[in-house]
Amino acid sequence: MLMFQCSSNKELQVQEYLDLNMLPMPATYSATDSVFLRDHWTTGYYQYKSNCSGCHGIFGKGKENIPNFTKVQFDNYGASFLAGDKKNHAVMKNVTEDELFSIFLFLQSLRREE
């Protein structure tokens, strides 16, 4: 029972983080699309936290700011990944293409203070 409560608490904390930090769900999205997007945000959050935050902060390690990568930087990173250039970043060998997509979606969907 305690294990279930801890797991539920952790999930609740992640959902609260996403609710506070992600852009609002587009009103035109169907329920299915909304669930799909929320699932990718959640996957991106976990993958980013475990594979990227050591160098690209926001979770208490590495740099202290949220990366605000440009479209060109995302495109270059994705192309490097697809080309199999694992030298670019050691973490690239730890994520799948779908997980990388989720990380990109997570980062691109964060609220930005201008």
PDB file of N, CA and C in Angstrom:
ATOM      1  N   MET A   1       0.830  -1.189   0.000  1.00  0.00           N
ATOM      2  CA  MET A   1       0.000   0.000   0.000  1.00  0.00           C
ATOM      3  C   MET A   1       0.872   1.250   0.000  1.00  0.00           C
ATOM      4  N   LEU A   2       1.872   1.305   0.854  1.00  0.00           N
ATOM      5  CA  LEU A   2       2.765   2.459   0.915  1.00  0.00           C
ATOM      6  C   LEU A   2       3.469   2.671  -0.417  1.00  0.00           C
ATOM      7  N   MET A   3       3.895   1.591  -1.063  1.00  0.00           N
ATOM      8  CA  MET A   3       4.566   1.691  -2.347  1.00  0.00           C
ATOM      9  C   MET A   3       3.626   2.322  -3.380  1.00  0.00           C
ATOM     10  N   PHE A   4       2.365   1.952  -3.356  1.00  0.00           N
ATOM     11  CA  PHE A   4       1.380   2.501  -4.269  1.00  0.00           C
ATOM     12  C   PHE A   4       1.187   3.994  -4.003  1.00  0.00           C
ATOM     13  N   GLN A   5       1.141   4.371  -2.730  1.00  0.00           N
ATOM     14  CA  GLN A   5       0.969   5.782  -2.387  1.00  0.00           C
ATOM     15  C   GLN A   5       2.158   6.608  -2.853  1.00  0.00           C
ATOM     16  N   CYS A   6       3.365   6.100  -2.689  1.00  0.00           N
ATOM     17  CA  CYS A   6       4.558   6.822  -3.127  1.00  0.00           C
ATOM     18  C   CYS A   6       4.537   7.006  -4.638  1.00  0.00           C
ATOM     19  N   SER A   7       4.191   5.948  -5.349  1.00  0.00           N
ATOM     20  CA  SER A   7       4.119   6.023  -6.800  1.00  0.00           C
ATOM     21  C   SER A   7       3.056   7.028  -7.231  1.00  0.00           C
ATOM     22  N   SER A   8       1.899   6.992  -6.599  1.00  0.00           N
ATOM     23  CA  SER A   8       0.833   7.922  -6.930  1.00  0.00           C
ATOM     24  C   SER A   8       1.235   9.351  -6.614  1.00  0.00           C
ATOM     25  N   ASN A   9       1.934   9.553  -5.491  1.00  0.00           N
ATOM     26  CA  ASN A   9       2.419  10.869  -5.109  1.00  0.00           C
ATOM     27  C   ASN A   9       3.395  11.414  -6.140  1.00  0.00           C
ATOM     28  N   LYS A  10       4.304  10.568  -6.610  1.00  0.00           N
ATOM     29  CA  LYS A  10       5.288  10.974  -7.601  1.00  0.00           C
ATOM     30  C   LYS A  10       4.594  11.355  -8.904  1.00  0.00           C
ATOM     31  N   GLU A  11       3.638  10.551  -9.325  1.00  0.00           N
ATOM     32  CA  GLU A  11       2.885  10.848 -10.545  1.00  0.00           C
ATOM     33  C   GLU A  11       2.125  12.153 -10.402  1.00  0.00           C
ATOM     34  N   LEU A  12       1.546  12.391  -9.235  1.00  0.00           N
ATOM     35  CA  LEU A  12       0.823  13.629  -8.983  1.00  0.00           C
ATOM     36  C   LEU A  12       1.773  14.820  -9.066  1.00  0.00           C
ATOM     37  N   GLN A  13       2.974  14.688  -8.511  1.00  0.00           N
ATOM     38  CA  GLN A  13       3.955  15.762  -8.571  1.00  0.00           C
ATOM     39  C   GLN A  13       4.351  16.059 -10.010  1.00  0.00           C
ATOM     40  N   VAL A  14       4.542  15.025 -10.821  1.00  0.00           N
ATOM     41  CA  VAL A  14       4.892  15.222 -12.226  1.00  0.00           C
ATOM     42  C   VAL A  14       3.753  15.923 -12.947  1.00  0.00           C
ATOM     43  N   GLN A  15       2.514  15.484 -12.705  1.00  0.00           N
ATOM     44  CA  GLN A  15       1.369  16.112 -13.356  1.00  0.00           C
ATOM     45  C   GLN A  15       1.238  17.577 -12.939  1.00  0.00           C
ATOM     46  N   GLU A  16       1.490  17.868 -11.667  1.00  0.00           N
ATOM     47  CA  GLU A  16       1.443  19.254 -11.195  1.00  0.00           C
ATOM     48  C   GLU A  16       2.533  20.079 -11.873  1.00  0.00           C
ATOM     49  N   TYR A  17       3.736  19.510 -12.008  1.00  0.00           N
ATOM     50  CA  TYR A  17       4.824  20.202 -12.691  1.00  0.00           C
ATOM     51  C   TYR A  17       4.421  20.506 -14.133  1.00  0.00           C
ATOM     52  N   LEU A  18       3.871  19.516 -14.821  1.00  0.00           N
ATOM     53  CA  LEU A  18       3.468  19.718 -16.215  1.00  0.00           C
ATOM     54  C   LEU A  18       2.367  20.773 -16.314  1.00  0.00           C
ATOM     55  N   ASP A  19       1.404  20.714 -15.412  1.00  0.00           N
ATOM     56  CA  ASP A  19       0.312  21.688 -15.436  1.00  0.00           C
ATOM     57  C   ASP A  19       0.826  23.114 -15.249  1.00  0.00           C
ATOM     58  N   LEU A  20       1.824  23.282 -14.394  1.00  0.00           N
ATOM     59  CA  LEU A  20       2.355  24.610 -14.108  1.00  0.00           C
ATOM     60  C   LEU A  20       3.306  25.125 -15.189  1.00  0.00           C
ATOM     61  N   ASN A  21       4.025  24.222 -15.847  1.00  0.00           N
ATOM     62  CA  ASN A  21       5.113  24.645 -16.718  1.00  0.00           C
ATOM     63  C   ASN A  21       4.901  24.445 -18.210  1.00  0.00           C
ATOM     64  N   MET A  22       3.903  23.686 -18.576  1.00  0.00           N
ATOM     65  CA  MET A  22       3.682  23.446 -19.996  1.00  0.00           C
ATOM     66  C   MET A  22       2.666  24.437 -20.541  1.00  0.00           C
ATOM     67  N   LEU A  23       2.774  24.706 -21.823  1.00  0.00           N
ATOM     68  CA  LEU A  23       1.783  25.554 -22.475  1.00  0.00           C
ATOM     69  C   LEU A  23       0.424  24.882 -22.376  1.00  0.00           C
ATOM     70  N   PRO A  24      -0.668  25.651 -22.425  1.00  0.00           N
ATOM     71  CA  PRO A  24      -2.001  25.040 -22.343  1.00  0.00           C
ATOM     72  C   PRO A  24      -2.252  24.097 -23.524  1.00  0.00           C
ATOM     73  N   MET A  25      -3.052  23.097 -23.271  1.00  0.00           N
ATOM     74  CA  MET A  25      -3.436  22.165 -24.326  1.00  0.00           C
ATOM     75  C   MET A  25      -4.254  22.948 -25.363  1.00  0.00           C
ATOM     76  N   PRO A  26      -3.929  22.832 -26.640  1.00  0.00           N
ATOM     77  CA  PRO A  26      -4.716  23.550 -27.653  1.00  0.00           C
ATOM     78  C   PRO A  26      -6.193  23.162 -27.587  1.00  0.00           C
ATOM     79  N   ALA A  27      -7.064  24.135 -27.648  1.00  0.00           N
ATOM     80  CA  ALA A  27      -8.515  23.897 -27.542  1.00  0.00           C
ATOM     81  C   ALA A  27      -9.038  23.027 -28.683  1.00  0.00           C
ATOM     82  N   THR A  28      -8.340  23.032 -29.794  1.00  0.00           N
ATOM     83  CA  THR A  28      -8.792  22.257 -30.960  1.00  0.00           C
ATOM     84  C   THR A  28      -8.420  20.780 -30.874  1.00  0.00           C
ATOM     85  N   TYR A  29      -7.632  20.394 -29.875  1.00  0.00           N
ATOM     86  CA  TYR A  29      -7.219  18.997 -29.750  1.00  0.00           C
ATOM     87  C   TYR A  29      -8.365  18.136 -29.254  1.00  0.00           C
ATOM     88  N   SER A  30      -8.473  16.957 -29.848  1.00  0.00           N
ATOM     89  CA  SER A  30      -9.444  15.980 -29.363  1.00  0.00           C
ATOM     90  C   SER A  30      -8.930  15.405 -28.045  1.00  0.00           C
ATOM     91  N   ALA A  31      -9.791  14.666 -27.366  1.00  0.00           N
ATOM     92  CA  ALA A  31      -9.376  14.018 -26.112  1.00  0.00           C
ATOM     93  C   ALA A  31      -8.210  13.063 -26.375  1.00  0.00           C
ATOM     94  N   THR A  32      -8.263  12.345 -27.483  1.00  0.00           N
ATOM     95  CA  THR A  32      -7.195  11.402 -27.836  1.00  0.00           C
ATOM     96  C   THR A  32      -5.885  12.138 -28.074  1.00  0.00           C
ATOM     97  N   ASP A  33      -5.945  13.249 -28.823  1.00  0.00           N
ATOM     98  CA  ASP A  33      -4.737  14.027 -29.083  1.00  0.00           C
ATOM     99  C   ASP A  33      -4.181  14.617 -27.796  1.00  0.00           C
ATOM    100  N   SER A  34      -5.055  15.065 -26.912  1.00  0.00           N
ATOM    101  CA  SER A  34      -4.620  15.635 -25.634  1.00  0.00           C
ATOM    102  C   SER A  34      -3.894  14.592 -24.790  1.00  0.00           C
ATOM    103  N   VAL A  35      -4.422  13.381 -24.749  1.00  0.00           N
ATOM    104  CA  VAL A  35      -3.778  12.291 -23.999  1.00  0.00           C
ATOM    105  C   VAL A  35      -2.429  11.962 -24.627  1.00  0.00           C
ATOM    106  N   PHE A  36      -2.382  11.914 -25.958  1.00  0.00           N
ATOM    107  CA  PHE A  36      -1.133  11.632 -26.682  1.00  0.00           C
ATOM    108  C   PHE A  36      -0.074  12.679 -26.340  1.00  0.00           C
ATOM    109  N   LEU A  37      -0.451  13.954 -26.404  1.00  0.00           N
ATOM    110  CA  LEU A  37       0.491  15.031 -26.111  1.00  0.00           C
ATOM    111  C   LEU A  37       0.943  14.974 -24.656  1.00  0.00           C
ATOM    112  N   ARG A  38       0.022  14.762 -23.729  1.00  0.00           N
ATOM    113  CA  ARG A  38       0.355  14.674 -22.303  1.00  0.00           C
ATOM    114  C   ARG A  38       1.306  13.500 -22.052  1.00  0.00           C
ATOM    115  N   ASP A  39       1.070  12.369 -22.712  1.00  0.00           N
ATOM    116  CA  ASP A  39       1.960  11.211 -22.564  1.00  0.00           C
ATOM    117  C   ASP A  39       3.375  11.537 -23.041  1.00  0.00           C
ATOM    118  N   HIS A  40       3.471  12.238 -24.175  1.00  0.00           N
ATOM    119  CA  HIS A  40       4.796  12.607 -24.686  1.00  0.00           C
ATOM    120  C   HIS A  40       5.477  13.635 -23.796  1.00  0.00           C
ATOM    121  N   TRP A  41       4.717  14.580 -23.257  1.00  0.00           N
ATOM    122  CA  TRP A  41       5.305  15.533 -22.311  1.00  0.00           C
ATOM    123  C   TRP A  41       5.861  14.796 -21.102  1.00  0.00           C
ATOM    124  N   THR A  42       5.091  13.836 -20.582  1.00  0.00           N
ATOM    125  CA  THR A  42       5.514  13.087 -19.401  1.00  0.00           C
ATOM    126  C   THR A  42       6.763  12.259 -19.708  1.00  0.00           C
ATOM    127  N   THR A  43       6.757  11.563 -20.848  1.00  0.00           N
ATOM    128  CA  THR A  43       7.940  10.795 -21.253  1.00  0.00           C
ATOM    129  C   THR A  43       9.137  11.718 -21.428  1.00  0.00           C
ATOM    130  N   GLY A  44       8.920  12.847 -22.091  1.00  0.00           N
ATOM    131  CA  GLY A  44      10.000  13.813 -22.295  1.00  0.00           C
ATOM    132  C   GLY A  44      10.562  14.331 -20.990  1.00  0.00           C
ATOM    133  N   TYR A  45       9.676  14.602 -20.037  1.00  0.00           N
ATOM    134  CA  TYR A  45      10.093  15.062 -18.710  1.00  0.00           C
ATOM    135  C   TYR A  45      11.028  14.034 -18.064  1.00  0.00           C
ATOM    136  N   TYR A  46      10.580  12.779 -18.022  1.00  0.00           N
ATOM    137  CA  TYR A  46      11.391  11.739 -17.379  1.00  0.00           C
ATOM    138  C   TYR A  46      12.706  11.502 -18.123  1.00  0.00           C
ATOM    139  N   GLN A  47      12.651  11.440 -19.446  1.00  0.00           N
ATOM    140  CA  GLN A  47      13.863  11.192 -20.225  1.00  0.00           C
ATOM    141  C   GLN A  47      14.844  12.354 -20.104  1.00  0.00           C
ATOM    142  N   TYR A  48      14.328  13.577 -20.150  1.00  0.00           N
ATOM    143  CA  TYR A  48      15.181  14.751 -20.002  1.00  0.00           C
ATOM    144  C   TYR A  48      15.834  14.749 -18.625  1.00  0.00           C
ATOM    145  N   LYS A  49      15.035  14.500 -17.611  1.00  0.00           N
ATOM    146  CA  LYS A  49      15.546  14.520 -16.238  1.00  0.00           C
ATOM    147  C   LYS A  49      16.652  13.484 -16.054  1.00  0.00           C
ATOM    148  N   SER A  50      16.466  12.285 -16.606  1.00  0.00           N
ATOM    149  CA  SER A  50      17.454  11.233 -16.374  1.00  0.00           C
ATOM    150  C   SER A  50      18.633  11.267 -17.347  1.00  0.00           C
ATOM    151  N   ASN A  51      18.468  11.846 -18.534  1.00  0.00           N
ATOM    152  CA  ASN A  51      19.536  11.772 -19.532  1.00  0.00           C
ATOM    153  C   ASN A  51      20.187  13.103 -19.892  1.00  0.00           C
ATOM    154  N   CYS A  52      19.513  14.211 -19.675  1.00  0.00           N
ATOM    155  CA  CYS A  52      20.013  15.495 -20.191  1.00  0.00           C
ATOM    156  C   CYS A  52      20.331  16.520 -19.111  1.00  0.00           C
ATOM    157  N   SER A  53      19.654  16.416 -17.979  1.00  0.00           N
ATOM    158  CA  SER A  53      19.732  17.486 -16.976  1.00  0.00           C
ATOM    159  C   SER A  53      21.103  17.609 -16.321  1.00  0.00           C
ATOM    160  N   GLY A  54      21.943  16.616 -16.444  1.00  0.00           N
ATOM    161  CA  GLY A  54      23.281  16.703 -15.874  1.00  0.00           C
ATOM    162  C   GLY A  54      24.074  17.863 -16.454  1.00  0.00           C
ATOM    163  N   CYS A  55      23.849  18.133 -17.730  1.00  0.00           N
ATOM    164  CA  CYS A  55      24.525  19.258 -18.390  1.00  0.00           C
ATOM    165  C   CYS A  55      23.587  20.420 -18.665  1.00  0.00           C
ATOM    166  N   HIS A  56      22.323  20.112 -18.863  1.00  0.00           N
ATOM    167  CA  HIS A  56      21.342  21.137 -19.236  1.00  0.00           C
ATOM    168  C   HIS A  56      20.306  21.298 -18.138  1.00  0.00           C
ATOM    169  N   GLY A  57      20.733  21.658 -16.954  1.00  0.00           N
ATOM    170  CA  GLY A  57      19.989  21.910 -15.732  1.00  0.00           C
ATOM    171  C   GLY A  57      18.491  21.745 -15.683  1.00  0.00           C
ATOM    172  N   ILE A  58      17.828  22.508 -14.926  1.00  0.00           N
ATOM    173  CA  ILE A  58      16.438  22.665 -14.540  1.00  0.00           C
ATOM    174  C   ILE A  58      15.984  21.706 -13.458  1.00  0.00           C
ATOM    175  N   PHE A  59      16.788  20.731 -13.110  1.00  0.00           N
ATOM    176  CA  PHE A  59      16.418  19.821 -12.034  1.00  0.00           C
ATOM    177  C   PHE A  59      17.503  19.787 -10.955  1.00  0.00           C
ATOM    178  N   GLY A  60      18.196  20.893 -10.776  1.00  0.00           N
ATOM    179  CA  GLY A  60      19.158  20.997  -9.696  1.00  0.00           C
ATOM    180  C   GLY A  60      20.572  20.586 -10.033  1.00  0.00           C
ATOM    181  N   LYS A  61      20.835  20.184 -11.275  1.00  0.00           N
ATOM    182  CA  LYS A  61      22.193  19.826 -11.674  1.00  0.00           C
ATOM    183  C   LYS A  61      22.555  20.634 -12.906  1.00  0.00           C
ATOM    184  N   GLY A  62      23.811  20.748 -13.175  1.00  0.00           N
ATOM    185  CA  GLY A  62      24.255  21.415 -14.397  1.00  0.00           C
ATOM    186  C   GLY A  62      23.873  22.881 -14.422  1.00  0.00           C
ATOM    187  N   LYS A  63      23.613  23.380 -15.611  1.00  0.00           N
ATOM    188  CA  LYS A  63      23.213  24.773 -15.780  1.00  0.00           C
ATOM    189  C   LYS A  63      21.884  24.992 -15.080  1.00  0.00           C
ATOM    190  N   GLU A  64      21.648  26.192 -14.603  1.00  0.00           N
ATOM    191  CA  GLU A  64      20.450  26.441 -13.813  1.00  0.00           C
ATOM    192  C   GLU A  64      19.260  26.946 -14.614  1.00  0.00           C
ATOM    193  N   ASN A  65      19.439  27.173 -15.897  1.00  0.00           N
ATOM    194  CA  ASN A  65      18.308  27.668 -16.665  1.00  0.00           C
ATOM    195  C   ASN A  65      17.767  26.600 -17.617  1.00  0.00           C
ATOM    196  N   ILE A  66      16.549  26.813 -18.060  1.00  0.00           N
ATOM    197  CA  ILE A  66      15.923  25.893 -19.001  1.00  0.00           C
ATOM    198  C   ILE A  66      16.502  26.175 -20.378  1.00  0.00           C
ATOM    199  N   PRO A  67      16.995  25.155 -21.055  1.00  0.00           N
ATOM    200  CA  PRO A  67      17.526  25.392 -22.397  1.00  0.00           C
ATOM    201  C   PRO A  67      16.427  25.944 -23.308  1.00  0.00           C
ATOM    202  N   ASN A  68      16.764  26.934 -24.081  1.00  0.00           N
ATOM    203  CA  ASN A  68      15.815  27.511 -25.026  1.00  0.00           C
ATOM    204  C   ASN A  68      16.419  27.347 -26.418  1.00  0.00           C
ATOM    205  N   PHE A  69      16.488  26.084 -26.859  1.00  0.00           N
ATOM    206  CA  PHE A  69      17.116  25.762 -28.119  1.00  0.00           C
ATOM    207  C   PHE A  69      16.309  26.318 -29.289  1.00  0.00           C
ATOM    208  N   THR A  70      17.003  26.708 -30.323  1.00  0.00           N
ATOM    209  CA  THR A  70      16.343  27.181 -31.538  1.00  0.00           C
ATOM    210  C   THR A  70      15.896  25.983 -32.371  1.00  0.00           C
ATOM    211  N   LYS A  71      15.069  26.229 -33.358  1.00  0.00           N
ATOM    212  CA  LYS A  71      14.633  25.164 -34.269  1.00  0.00           C
ATOM    213  C   LYS A  71      15.846  24.545 -34.962  1.00  0.00           C
ATOM    214  N   VAL A  72      16.804  25.376 -35.342  1.00  0.00           N
ATOM    215  CA  VAL A  72      18.018  24.884 -36.009  1.00  0.00           C
ATOM    216  C   VAL A  72      18.794  23.949 -35.081  1.00  0.00           C
ATOM    217  N   GLN A  73      18.897  24.306 -33.802  1.00  0.00           N
ATOM    218  CA  GLN A  73      19.603  23.439 -32.845  1.00  0.00           C
ATOM    219  C   GLN A  73      18.885  22.101 -32.679  1.00  0.00           C
ATOM    220  N   PHE A  74      17.551  22.127 -32.581  1.00  0.00           N
ATOM    221  CA  PHE A  74      16.792  20.867 -32.503  1.00  0.00           C
ATOM    222  C   PHE A  74      17.008  20.045 -33.772  1.00  0.00           C
ATOM    223  N   ASP A  75      16.927  20.700 -34.933  1.00  0.00           N
ATOM    224  CA  ASP A  75      17.110  19.999 -36.211  1.00  0.00           C
ATOM    225  C   ASP A  75      18.501  19.376 -36.310  1.00  0.00           C
ATOM    226  N   ASN A  76      19.529  20.133 -35.921  1.00  0.00           N
ATOM    227  CA  ASN A  76      20.899  19.615 -35.984  1.00  0.00           C
ATOM    228  C   ASN A  76      21.097  18.436 -35.034  1.00  0.00           C
ATOM    229  N   TYR A  77      20.555  18.556 -33.839  1.00  0.00           N
ATOM    230  CA  TYR A  77      20.674  17.476 -32.858  1.00  0.00           C
ATOM    231  C   TYR A  77      19.958  16.226 -33.372  1.00  0.00           C
ATOM    232  N   GLY A  78      18.733  16.420 -33.903  1.00  0.00           N
ATOM    233  CA  GLY A  78      17.973  15.289 -34.448  1.00  0.00           C
ATOM    234  C   GLY A  78      18.689  14.644 -35.625  1.00  0.00           C
ATOM    235  N   ALA A  79      19.263  15.450 -36.513  1.00  0.00           N
ATOM    236  CA  ALA A  79      19.992  14.915 -37.669  1.00  0.00           C
ATOM    237  C   ALA A  79      21.217  14.131 -37.212  1.00  0.00           C
ATOM    238  N   SER A  80      21.920  14.667 -36.214  1.00  0.00           N
ATOM    239  CA  SER A  80      23.079  13.964 -35.647  1.00  0.00           C
ATOM    240  C   SER A  80      22.663  12.611 -35.089  1.00  0.00           C
ATOM    241  N   PHE A  81      21.545  12.611 -34.374  1.00  0.00           N
ATOM    242  CA  PHE A  81      21.033  11.378 -33.773  1.00  0.00           C
ATOM    243  C   PHE A  81      20.692  10.359 -34.863  1.00  0.00           C
ATOM    244  N   LEU A  82      19.949  10.792 -35.870  1.00  0.00           N
ATOM    245  CA  LEU A  82      19.525   9.885 -36.939  1.00  0.00           C
ATOM    246  C   LEU A  82      20.703   9.371 -37.761  1.00  0.00           C
ATOM    247  N   ALA A  83      21.750  10.184 -37.858  1.00  0.00           N
ATOM    248  CA  ALA A  83      22.950   9.771 -38.595  1.00  0.00           C
ATOM    249  C   ALA A  83      23.808   8.815 -37.775  1.00  0.00           C
ATOM    250  N   GLY A  84      23.440   8.605 -36.528  1.00  0.00           N
ATOM    251  CA  GLY A  84      24.195   7.687 -35.676  1.00  0.00           C
ATOM    252  C   GLY A  84      25.444   8.296 -35.076  1.00  0.00           C
ATOM    253  N   ASP A  85      25.532   9.616 -35.050  1.00  0.00           N
ATOM    254  CA  ASP A  85      26.686  10.306 -34.492  1.00  0.00           C
ATOM    255  C   ASP A  85      26.597  10.326 -32.967  1.00  0.00           C
ATOM    256  N   LYS A  86      26.998   9.255 -32.348  1.00  0.00           N
ATOM    257  CA  LYS A  86      26.913   9.127 -30.891  1.00  0.00           C
ATOM    258  C   LYS A  86      27.989   9.941 -30.186  1.00  0.00           C
ATOM    259  N   LYS A  87      28.988  10.432 -30.929  1.00  0.00           N
ATOM    260  CA  LYS A  87      30.046  11.240 -30.312  1.00  0.00           C
ATOM    261  C   LYS A  87      29.502  12.585 -29.857  1.00  0.00           C
ATOM    262  N   ASN A  88      28.436  13.045 -30.508  1.00  0.00           N
ATOM    263  CA  ASN A  88      27.881  14.352 -30.198  1.00  0.00           C
ATOM    264  C   ASN A  88      27.532  14.471 -28.723  1.00  0.00           C
ATOM    265  N   HIS A  89      26.822  13.516 -28.189  1.00  0.00           N
ATOM    266  CA  HIS A  89      26.442  13.505 -26.780  1.00  0.00           C
ATOM    267  C   HIS A  89      26.385  12.057 -26.301  1.00  0.00           C
ATOM    268  N   ALA A  90      26.979  11.809 -25.177  1.00  0.00           N
ATOM    269  CA  ALA A  90      26.993  10.456 -24.634  1.00  0.00           C
ATOM    270  C   ALA A  90      25.586   9.936 -24.378  1.00  0.00           C
ATOM    271  N   VAL A  91      24.651  10.827 -24.040  1.00  0.00           N
ATOM    272  CA  VAL A  91      23.303  10.359 -23.717  1.00  0.00           C
ATOM    273  C   VAL A  91      22.540   9.883 -24.937  1.00  0.00           C
ATOM    274  N   MET A  92      22.994  10.256 -26.125  1.00  0.00           N
ATOM    275  CA  MET A  92      22.268   9.864 -27.332  1.00  0.00           C
ATOM    276  C   MET A  92      22.154   8.349 -27.456  1.00  0.00           C
ATOM    277  N   LYS A  93      23.118   7.639 -26.903  1.00  0.00           N
ATOM    278  CA  LYS A  93      23.062   6.179 -26.985  1.00  0.00           C
ATOM    279  C   LYS A  93      22.057   5.593 -25.991  1.00  0.00           C
ATOM    280  N   ASN A  94      21.552   6.432 -25.061  1.00  0.00           N
ATOM    281  CA  ASN A  94      20.641   5.946 -24.024  1.00  0.00           C
ATOM    282  C   ASN A  94      19.170   6.157 -24.337  1.00  0.00           C
ATOM    283  N   VAL A  95      18.852   6.859 -25.427  1.00  0.00           N
ATOM    284  CA  VAL A  95      17.451   7.130 -25.741  1.00  0.00           C
ATOM    285  C   VAL A  95      17.113   6.630 -27.136  1.00  0.00           C
ATOM    286  N   THR A  96      15.849   6.307 -27.320  1.00  0.00           N
ATOM    287  CA  THR A  96      15.364   5.904 -28.641  1.00  0.00           C
ATOM    288  C   THR A  96      14.953   7.156 -29.416  1.00  0.00           C
ATOM    289  N   GLU A  97      14.671   6.980 -30.685  1.00  0.00           N
ATOM    290  CA  GLU A  97      14.206   8.109 -31.499  1.00  0.00           C
ATOM    291  C   GLU A  97      12.905   8.681 -30.937  1.00  0.00           C
ATOM    292  N   ASP A  98      11.982   7.813 -30.516  1.00  0.00           N
ATOM    293  CA  ASP A  98      10.719   8.283 -29.931  1.00  0.00           C
ATOM    294  C   ASP A  98      10.952   9.051 -28.630  1.00  0.00           C
ATOM    295  N   GLU A  99      11.880   8.569 -27.807  1.00  0.00           N
ATOM    296  CA  GLU A  99      12.187   9.275 -26.556  1.00  0.00           C
ATOM    297  C   GLU A  99      12.819  10.634 -26.837  1.00  0.00           C
ATOM    298  N   LEU A 100      13.682  10.705 -27.853  1.00  0.00           N
ATOM    299  CA  LEU A 100      14.281  11.980 -28.223  1.00  0.00           C
ATOM    300  C   LEU A 100      13.194  12.946 -28.699  1.00  0.00           C
ATOM    301  N   PHE A 101      12.243  12.456 -29.506  1.00  0.00           N
ATOM    302  CA  PHE A 101      11.116  13.271 -29.945  1.00  0.00           C
ATOM    303  C   PHE A 101      10.351  13.807 -28.731  1.00  0.00           C
ATOM    304  N   SER A 102      10.133  12.959 -27.744  1.00  0.00           N
ATOM    305  CA  SER A 102       9.412  13.383 -26.539  1.00  0.00           C
ATOM    306  C   SER A 102      10.192  14.440 -25.756  1.00  0.00           C
ATOM    307  N   ILE A 103      11.514  14.292 -25.688  1.00  0.00           N
ATOM    308  CA  ILE A 103      12.344  15.299 -25.025  1.00  0.00           C
ATOM    309  C   ILE A 103      12.224  16.633 -25.754  1.00  0.00           C
ATOM    310  N   PHE A 104      12.313  16.594 -27.071  1.00  0.00           N
ATOM    311  CA  PHE A 104      12.184  17.822 -27.867  1.00  0.00           C
ATOM    312  C   PHE A 104      10.816  18.458 -27.642  1.00  0.00           C
ATOM    313  N   LEU A 105       9.773  17.645 -27.649  1.00  0.00           N
ATOM    314  CA  LEU A 105       8.421  18.157 -27.448  1.00  0.00           C
ATOM    315  C   LEU A 105       8.290  18.792 -26.062  1.00  0.00           C
ATOM    316  N   PHE A 106       8.837  18.123 -25.061  1.00  0.00           N
ATOM    317  CA  PHE A 106       8.829  18.649 -23.700  1.00  0.00           C
ATOM    318  C   PHE A 106       9.508  20.021 -23.652  1.00  0.00           C
ATOM    319  N   LEU A 107      10.708  20.124 -24.219  1.00  0.00           N
ATOM    320  CA  LEU A 107      11.444  21.389 -24.179  1.00  0.00           C
ATOM    321  C   LEU A 107      10.749  22.483 -24.980  1.00  0.00           C
ATOM    322  N   GLN A 108      10.220  22.127 -26.133  1.00  0.00           N
ATOM    323  CA  GLN A 108       9.559  23.120 -26.980  1.00  0.00           C
ATOM    324  C   GLN A 108       8.238  23.583 -26.382  1.00  0.00           C
ATOM    325  N   SER A 109       7.663  22.805 -25.512  1.00  0.00           N
ATOM    326  CA  SER A 109       6.342  23.130 -24.948  1.00  0.00           C
ATOM    327  C   SER A 109       6.399  23.857 -23.614  1.00  0.00           C
ATOM    328  N   LEU A 110       7.599  24.083 -23.094  1.00  0.00           N
ATOM    329  CA  LEU A 110       7.728  24.788 -21.820  1.00  0.00           C
ATOM    330  C   LEU A 110       7.312  26.251 -21.974  1.00  0.00           C
ATOM    331  N   ARG A 111       6.705  26.771 -20.933  1.00  0.00           N
ATOM    332  CA  ARG A 111       6.379  28.206 -20.917  1.00  0.00           C
ATOM    333  C   ARG A 111       7.684  28.982 -20.834  1.00  0.00           C
ATOM    334  N   ARG A 112       7.772  30.041 -21.577  1.00  0.00           N
ATOM    335  CA  ARG A 112       8.973  30.878 -21.572  1.00  0.00           C
ATOM    336  C   ARG A 112       8.622  32.262 -21.070  1.00  0.00           C
ATOM    337  N   GLU A 113       9.442  32.781 -20.185  1.00  0.00           N
ATOM    338  CA  GLU A 113       9.261  34.171 -19.737  1.00  0.00           C
ATOM    339  C   GLU A 113      10.041  35.043 -20.688  1.00  0.00           C
ATOM    340  N   GLU A 114       9.363  35.927 -21.324  1.00  0.00           N
ATOM    341  CA  GLU A 114      10.004  36.820 -22.303  1.00  0.00           C
ATOM    342  C   GLU A 114      10.325  38.136 -21.663  1.00  0.00           C
TER     343      GLU A 114
END
